[in-house]
Amino acid sequence: MKSVLDIAEHIANKYDTKLQPEELQQLASIMDFRELKKGEVFLNQGQTAKDILYIHSGTMRLFYYKKGRDITEHFACADTHFVYSIISLFQKRRTELLIEALEQSIVYTINYDKLKALLLQIPQLAKLYINILEEGLTISQKKADSWRMETVKERYERFFREYPAVVKIASVNHIASYLLMAPESLSRVRAGI
């Protein structure tokens, strides 16, 4: 298992941000290690988000309930994305989104309030934070564009390319809801590919 300091350095390098050793130490000081079991919910409906999650290993999904149906909002895989409930985290509101481990996962949490305090002290950390937010916004825009401009087949093909690990472990219902289609439609798309 890697130390929190190793993970902090890995994140900085991944986002092309040079942090001095003492700055890495400060970032590591607001991070915690957590192991999640398959099916374990990290953030539940009605809770207020306090952390940004970096997924070291495993796969997570964000989802919500609408009219009794489970709708997948986002998938995140090891070392590719951060996971957080935006409105809950930024506005200190109770969340409607749940964050669940689809398989055994190791995550490192970053306390958001402590991160905000450090951003005022460490300009390079602010650069790292901006890079992380820009990545998240880009992912959201690509997903929205996909829903608006692509056929169901094109959406599935994009999903298959961008999330090959998720295709192997997520249920058909989770994938179908993420792609805004019925499970039967997804099965027909898969059969035609």
C-alpha atoms as a PDB file:
ATOM      1  CA  MET A   1       0.000   0.000   0.000  1.00  0.00           C
ATOM      2  CA  LYS A   2       1.257   3.456  -0.881  1.00  0.00           C
ATOM      3  CA  SER A   3       1.580   6.138   1.763  1.00  0.00           C
ATOM      4  CA  VAL A   4      -0.669   9.191   1.730  1.00  0.00           C
ATOM      5  CA  LEU A   5       2.402  11.262   0.849  1.00  0.00           C
ATOM      6  CA  ASP A   6       3.104   9.020  -2.176  1.00  0.00           C
ATOM      7  CA  ILE A   7      -0.497   9.444  -3.315  1.00  0.00           C
ATOM      8  CA  ALA A   8      -0.327  13.241  -2.879  1.00  0.00           C
ATOM      9  CA  GLU A   9       2.806  13.300  -5.029  1.00  0.00           C
ATOM     10  CA  HIS A  10       1.206  11.023  -7.623  1.00  0.00           C
ATOM     11  CA  ILE A  11      -1.826  13.338  -7.882  1.00  0.00           C
ATOM     12  CA  ALA A  12       0.379  16.415  -8.276  1.00  0.00           C
ATOM     13  CA  ASN A  13       2.412  14.703 -11.011  1.00  0.00           C
ATOM     14  CA  LYS A  14      -0.704  13.424 -12.777  1.00  0.00           C
ATOM     15  CA  TYR A  15      -2.008  16.983 -13.019  1.00  0.00           C
ATOM     16  CA  ASP A  16       1.378  18.383 -14.010  1.00  0.00           C
ATOM     17  CA  THR A  17       1.741  20.442 -10.832  1.00  0.00           C
ATOM     18  CA  LYS A  18       5.090  20.887  -9.112  1.00  0.00           C
ATOM     19  CA  LEU A  19       4.676  20.983  -5.338  1.00  0.00           C
ATOM     20  CA  GLN A  20       7.589  21.448  -2.990  1.00  0.00           C
ATOM     21  CA  PRO A  21       8.166  18.680  -0.396  1.00  0.00           C
ATOM     22  CA  GLU A  22       6.629  20.760   2.415  1.00  0.00           C
ATOM     23  CA  GLU A  23       3.608  21.540   0.199  1.00  0.00           C
ATOM     24  CA  LEU A  24       3.156  17.847  -0.539  1.00  0.00           C
ATOM     25  CA  GLN A  25       3.320  17.207   3.214  1.00  0.00           C
ATOM     26  CA  GLN A  26       0.575  19.773   3.785  1.00  0.00           C
ATOM     27  CA  LEU A  27      -1.618  18.189   1.113  1.00  0.00           C
ATOM     28  CA  ALA A  28      -1.001  14.720   2.556  1.00  0.00           C
ATOM     29  CA  SER A  29      -1.926  15.991   6.028  1.00  0.00           C
ATOM     30  CA  ILE A  30      -5.543  16.599   4.917  1.00  0.00           C
ATOM     31  CA  MET A  31      -5.885  13.233   3.172  1.00  0.00           C
ATOM     32  CA  ASP A  32      -7.081   9.948   4.636  1.00  0.00           C
ATOM     33  CA  PHE A  33      -6.988   6.355   3.403  1.00  0.00           C
ATOM     34  CA  ARG A  34     -10.210   4.365   3.221  1.00  0.00           C
ATOM     35  CA  GLU A  35     -10.974   0.877   1.949  1.00  0.00           C
ATOM     36  CA  LEU A  36     -14.501   0.249   0.672  1.00  0.00           C
ATOM     37  CA  LYS A  37     -16.194  -3.088   0.124  1.00  0.00           C
ATOM     38  CA  LYS A  38     -18.156  -3.898  -3.015  1.00  0.00           C
ATOM     39  CA  GLY A  39     -21.583  -2.267  -2.673  1.00  0.00           C
ATOM     40  CA  GLU A  40     -20.518  -0.019   0.206  1.00  0.00           C
ATOM     41  CA  VAL A  41     -21.981   3.477   0.051  1.00  0.00           C
ATOM     42  CA  PHE A  42     -19.486   6.221   0.859  1.00  0.00           C
ATOM     43  CA  LEU A  43     -21.961   9.102   0.678  1.00  0.00           C
ATOM     44  CA  ASN A  44     -25.633   8.489   1.287  1.00  0.00           C
ATOM     45  CA  GLN A  45     -28.709  10.448   0.313  1.00  0.00           C
ATOM     46  CA  GLY A  46     -29.383  13.163   2.888  1.00  0.00           C
ATOM     47  CA  GLN A  47     -25.772  13.464   4.061  1.00  0.00           C
ATOM     48  CA  THR A  48     -23.633  16.528   3.446  1.00  0.00           C
ATOM     49  CA  ALA A  49     -20.439  15.879   1.493  1.00  0.00           C
ATOM     50  CA  LYS A  50     -17.195  16.818   3.235  1.00  0.00           C
ATOM     51  CA  ASP A  51     -14.590  15.144   1.038  1.00  0.00           C
ATOM     52  CA  ILE A  52     -13.245  14.832  -2.467  1.00  0.00           C
ATOM     53  CA  LEU A  53     -12.357  11.213  -3.272  1.00  0.00           C
ATOM     54  CA  TYR A  54      -9.349  10.098  -5.250  1.00  0.00           C
ATOM     55  CA  ILE A  55      -9.790   6.476  -6.357  1.00  0.00           C
ATOM     56  CA  HIS A  56      -6.529   4.597  -6.035  1.00  0.00           C
ATOM     57  CA  SER A  57      -8.037   1.234  -6.971  1.00  0.00           C
ATOM     58  CA  GLY A  58     -11.509   0.034  -7.805  1.00  0.00           C
ATOM     59  CA  THR A  59     -14.541   1.607  -9.421  1.00  0.00           C
ATOM     60  CA  MET A  60     -17.157   3.963  -8.004  1.00  0.00           C
ATOM     61  CA  ARG A  61     -20.437   5.328  -9.246  1.00  0.00           C
ATOM     62  CA  LEU A  62     -22.565   8.343  -8.386  1.00  0.00           C
ATOM     63  CA  PHE A  63     -26.288   7.727  -8.602  1.00  0.00           C
ATOM     64  CA  TYR A  64     -29.663   8.994  -7.446  1.00  0.00           C
ATOM     65  CA  TYR A  65     -33.216   7.768  -7.182  1.00  0.00           C
ATOM     66  CA  LYS A  66     -35.982   9.108  -9.395  1.00  0.00           C
ATOM     67  CA  LYS A  67     -39.499   7.712  -9.097  1.00  0.00           C
ATOM     68  CA  GLY A  68     -38.078   4.667  -7.350  1.00  0.00           C
ATOM     69  CA  ARG A  69     -35.532   4.011 -10.097  1.00  0.00           C
ATOM     70  CA  ASP A  70     -31.787   3.956  -9.558  1.00  0.00           C
ATOM     71  CA  ILE A  71     -30.172   6.345 -12.095  1.00  0.00           C
ATOM     72  CA  THR A  72     -26.393   6.340 -12.591  1.00  0.00           C
ATOM     73  CA  GLU A  73     -24.976   9.842 -12.955  1.00  0.00           C
ATOM     74  CA  HIS A  74     -21.264   9.064 -13.269  1.00  0.00           C
ATOM     75  CA  PHE A  75     -18.680   6.283 -13.130  1.00  0.00           C
ATOM     76  CA  ALA A  76     -15.136   6.798 -11.886  1.00  0.00           C
ATOM     77  CA  CYS A  77     -12.278   4.327 -12.148  1.00  0.00           C
ATOM     78  CA  ALA A  78      -8.921   3.966 -10.461  1.00  0.00           C
ATOM     79  CA  ASP A  79      -6.457   6.760 -11.158  1.00  0.00           C
ATOM     80  CA  THR A  80      -8.690   8.477 -13.712  1.00  0.00           C
ATOM     81  CA  HIS A  81     -11.050  10.814 -11.906  1.00  0.00           C
ATOM     82  CA  PHE A  82     -11.953  12.362  -8.614  1.00  0.00           C
ATOM     83  CA  VAL A  83     -15.430  11.796  -7.228  1.00  0.00           C
ATOM     84  CA  TYR A  84     -17.530  14.262  -5.260  1.00  0.00           C
ATOM     85  CA  SER A  85     -21.070  15.530  -4.971  1.00  0.00           C
ATOM     86  CA  ILE A  86     -20.666  19.038  -6.375  1.00  0.00           C
ATOM     87  CA  ILE A  87     -23.690  20.834  -4.923  1.00  0.00           C
ATOM     88  CA  SER A  88     -23.420  19.177  -1.534  1.00  0.00           C
ATOM     89  CA  LEU A  89     -19.684  19.791  -1.251  1.00  0.00           C
ATOM     90  CA  PHE A  90     -19.615  23.372  -2.515  1.00  0.00           C
ATOM     91  CA  GLN A  91     -22.885  24.610  -0.999  1.00  0.00           C
ATOM     92  CA  LYS A  92     -22.940  22.509   2.192  1.00  0.00           C
ATOM     93  CA  ARG A  93     -26.332  21.056   1.277  1.00  0.00           C
ATOM     94  CA  ARG A  94     -27.693  17.597   1.856  1.00  0.00           C
ATOM     95  CA  THR A  95     -27.065  15.449  -1.195  1.00  0.00           C
ATOM     96  CA  GLU A  96     -29.457  13.579  -3.424  1.00  0.00           C
ATOM     97  CA  LEU A  97     -26.483  11.750  -4.976  1.00  0.00           C
ATOM     98  CA  LEU A  98     -25.054   8.582  -3.506  1.00  0.00           C
ATOM     99  CA  ILE A  99     -21.476   7.397  -4.014  1.00  0.00           C
ATOM    100  CA  GLU A 100     -21.063   3.622  -4.105  1.00  0.00           C
ATOM    101  CA  ALA A 101     -18.152   1.232  -4.626  1.00  0.00           C
ATOM    102  CA  LEU A 102     -18.916  -1.148  -7.499  1.00  0.00           C
ATOM    103  CA  GLU A 103     -16.034  -3.346  -6.414  1.00  0.00           C
ATOM    104  CA  GLN A 104     -13.587  -3.400  -3.543  1.00  0.00           C
ATOM    105  CA  SER A 105     -11.930  -0.007  -3.736  1.00  0.00           C
ATOM    106  CA  ILE A 106      -9.199   1.983  -2.064  1.00  0.00           C
ATOM    107  CA  VAL A 107      -9.840   5.706  -1.927  1.00  0.00           C
ATOM    108  CA  TYR A 108      -8.004   8.650  -0.461  1.00  0.00           C
ATOM    109  CA  THR A 109     -10.255  11.384   0.822  1.00  0.00           C
ATOM    110  CA  ILE A 110      -9.311  15.054   0.779  1.00  0.00           C
ATOM    111  CA  ASN A 111     -11.175  17.181   3.291  1.00  0.00           C
ATOM    112  CA  TYR A 112     -12.704  20.024   1.293  1.00  0.00           C
ATOM    113  CA  ASP A 113     -12.704  22.706   4.025  1.00  0.00           C
ATOM    114  CA  LYS A 114      -9.074  22.030   4.860  1.00  0.00           C
ATOM    115  CA  LEU A 115      -8.212  22.037   1.161  1.00  0.00           C
ATOM    116  CA  LYS A 116      -9.831  25.457   0.723  1.00  0.00           C
ATOM    117  CA  ALA A 117      -7.717  26.830   3.579  1.00  0.00           C
ATOM    118  CA  LEU A 118      -4.534  25.425   1.995  1.00  0.00           C
ATOM    119  CA  LEU A 119      -5.434  26.878  -1.406  1.00  0.00           C
ATOM    120  CA  LEU A 120      -5.047  30.358   0.065  1.00  0.00           C
ATOM    121  CA  GLN A 121      -1.559  29.518   1.328  1.00  0.00           C
ATOM    122  CA  ILE A 122      -0.117  27.470  -1.555  1.00  0.00           C
ATOM    123  CA  PRO A 123      -0.505  28.918  -5.078  1.00  0.00           C
ATOM    124  CA  GLN A 124       0.676  25.702  -6.747  1.00  0.00           C
ATOM    125  CA  LEU A 125      -1.969  23.738  -4.865  1.00  0.00           C
ATOM    126  CA  ALA A 126      -4.558  26.178  -6.233  1.00  0.00           C
ATOM    127  CA  LYS A 127      -3.241  25.340  -9.718  1.00  0.00           C
ATOM    128  CA  LEU A 128      -3.675  21.621  -8.980  1.00  0.00           C
ATOM    129  CA  TYR A 129      -7.229  22.225  -7.759  1.00  0.00           C
ATOM    130  CA  ILE A 130      -8.086  24.196 -10.908  1.00  0.00           C
ATOM    131  CA  ASN A 131      -6.731  21.354 -13.066  1.00  0.00           C
ATOM    132  CA  ILE A 132      -8.876  18.825 -11.194  1.00  0.00           C
ATOM    133  CA  LEU A 133     -11.993  20.999 -11.533  1.00  0.00           C
ATOM    134  CA  GLU A 134     -11.341  21.610 -15.228  1.00  0.00           C
ATOM    135  CA  GLU A 135     -11.076  17.873 -15.805  1.00  0.00           C
ATOM    136  CA  GLY A 136     -14.386  17.299 -14.019  1.00  0.00           C
ATOM    137  CA  LEU A 137     -16.130  20.026 -16.002  1.00  0.00           C
ATOM    138  CA  THR A 138     -14.736  18.639 -19.264  1.00  0.00           C
ATOM    139  CA  ILE A 139     -16.047  15.160 -18.429  1.00  0.00           C
ATOM    140  CA  SER A 140     -19.488  16.611 -17.639  1.00  0.00           C
ATOM    141  CA  GLN A 141     -19.562  18.597 -20.885  1.00  0.00           C
ATOM    142  CA  LYS A 142     -18.548  15.569 -22.968  1.00  0.00           C
ATOM    143  CA  LYS A 143     -21.327  13.544 -21.364  1.00  0.00           C
ATOM    144  CA  ALA A 144     -23.922  16.281 -21.984  1.00  0.00           C
ATOM    145  CA  ASP A 145     -22.750  16.665 -25.593  1.00  0.00           C
ATOM    146  CA  SER A 146     -22.965  12.907 -26.072  1.00  0.00           C
ATOM    147  CA  TRP A 147     -26.580  12.854 -24.874  1.00  0.00           C
ATOM    148  CA  ARG A 148     -27.508  15.715 -27.193  1.00  0.00           C
ATOM    149  CA  MET A 149     -25.606  14.807 -30.350  1.00  0.00           C
ATOM    150  CA  GLU A 150     -24.923  11.068 -30.492  1.00  0.00           C
ATOM    151  CA  THR A 151     -27.117   8.108 -31.307  1.00  0.00           C
ATOM    152  CA  VAL A 152     -27.581   5.427 -28.652  1.00  0.00           C
ATOM    153  CA  LYS A 153     -25.093   3.247 -30.511  1.00  0.00           C
ATOM    154  CA  GLU A 154     -22.506   6.050 -30.581  1.00  0.00           C
ATOM    155  CA  ARG A 155     -23.071   6.729 -26.857  1.00  0.00           C
ATOM    156  CA  TYR A 156     -22.472   3.082 -26.026  1.00  0.00           C
ATOM    157  CA  GLU A 157     -19.365   2.888 -28.235  1.00  0.00           C
ATOM    158  CA  ARG A 158     -17.965   6.010 -26.527  1.00  0.00           C
ATOM    159  CA  PHE A 159     -18.753   4.547 -23.102  1.00  0.00           C
ATOM    160  CA  PHE A 160     -17.082   1.276 -24.073  1.00  0.00           C
ATOM    161  CA  ARG A 161     -13.917   3.153 -25.165  1.00  0.00           C
ATOM    162  CA  GLU A 162     -13.792   5.501 -22.161  1.00  0.00           C
ATOM    163  CA  TYR A 163     -14.807   3.025 -19.440  1.00  0.00           C
ATOM    164  CA  PRO A 164     -13.658  -0.467 -20.474  1.00  0.00           C
ATOM    165  CA  ALA A 165     -13.244  -1.543 -16.846  1.00  0.00           C
ATOM    166  CA  VAL A 166     -16.774  -0.432 -15.952  1.00  0.00           C
ATOM    167  CA  VAL A 167     -18.266  -2.432 -18.836  1.00  0.00           C
ATOM    168  CA  LYS A 168     -16.914  -5.570 -17.150  1.00  0.00           C
ATOM    169  CA  ILE A 169     -18.288  -4.944 -13.643  1.00  0.00           C
ATOM    170  CA  ALA A 170     -21.324  -2.646 -13.798  1.00  0.00           C
ATOM    171  CA  SER A 171     -24.797  -4.054 -14.225  1.00  0.00           C
ATOM    172  CA  VAL A 172     -26.695  -3.559 -17.464  1.00  0.00           C
ATOM    173  CA  ASN A 173     -29.177  -1.397 -15.541  1.00  0.00           C
ATOM    174  CA  HIS A 174     -26.415   0.906 -14.234  1.00  0.00           C
ATOM    175  CA  ILE A 175     -24.893   1.330 -17.694  1.00  0.00           C
ATOM    176  CA  ALA A 176     -28.276   1.800 -19.383  1.00  0.00           C
ATOM    177  CA  SER A 177     -29.356   4.499 -16.922  1.00  0.00           C
ATOM    178  CA  TYR A 178     -26.026   6.291 -17.364  1.00  0.00           C
ATOM    179  CA  LEU A 179     -26.541   6.270 -21.163  1.00  0.00           C
ATOM    180  CA  LEU A 180     -30.180   7.399 -20.831  1.00  0.00           C
ATOM    181  CA  MET A 181     -31.655   4.274 -22.341  1.00  0.00           C
ATOM    182  CA  ALA A 182     -33.730   1.332 -21.252  1.00  0.00           C
ATOM    183  CA  PRO A 183     -31.861  -1.903 -20.433  1.00  0.00           C
ATOM    184  CA  GLU A 184     -33.619  -3.561 -23.386  1.00  0.00           C
ATOM    185  CA  SER A 185     -32.289  -0.860 -25.726  1.00  0.00           C
ATOM    186  CA  LEU A 186     -28.777  -1.356 -24.374  1.00  0.00           C
ATOM    187  CA  SER A 187     -29.068  -5.112 -24.965  1.00  0.00           C
ATOM    188  CA  ARG A 188     -30.106  -4.469 -28.588  1.00  0.00           C
ATOM    189  CA  VAL A 189     -27.194  -2.036 -29.067  1.00  0.00           C
ATOM    190  CA  ARG A 190     -24.750  -4.557 -27.599  1.00  0.00           C
ATOM    191  CA  ALA A 191     -26.133  -7.328 -29.820  1.00  0.00           C
ATOM    192  CA  GLY A 192     -25.672  -5.143 -32.906  1.00  0.00           C
ATOM    193  CA  ILE A 193     -21.993  -4.333 -32.186  1.00  0.00           C
END
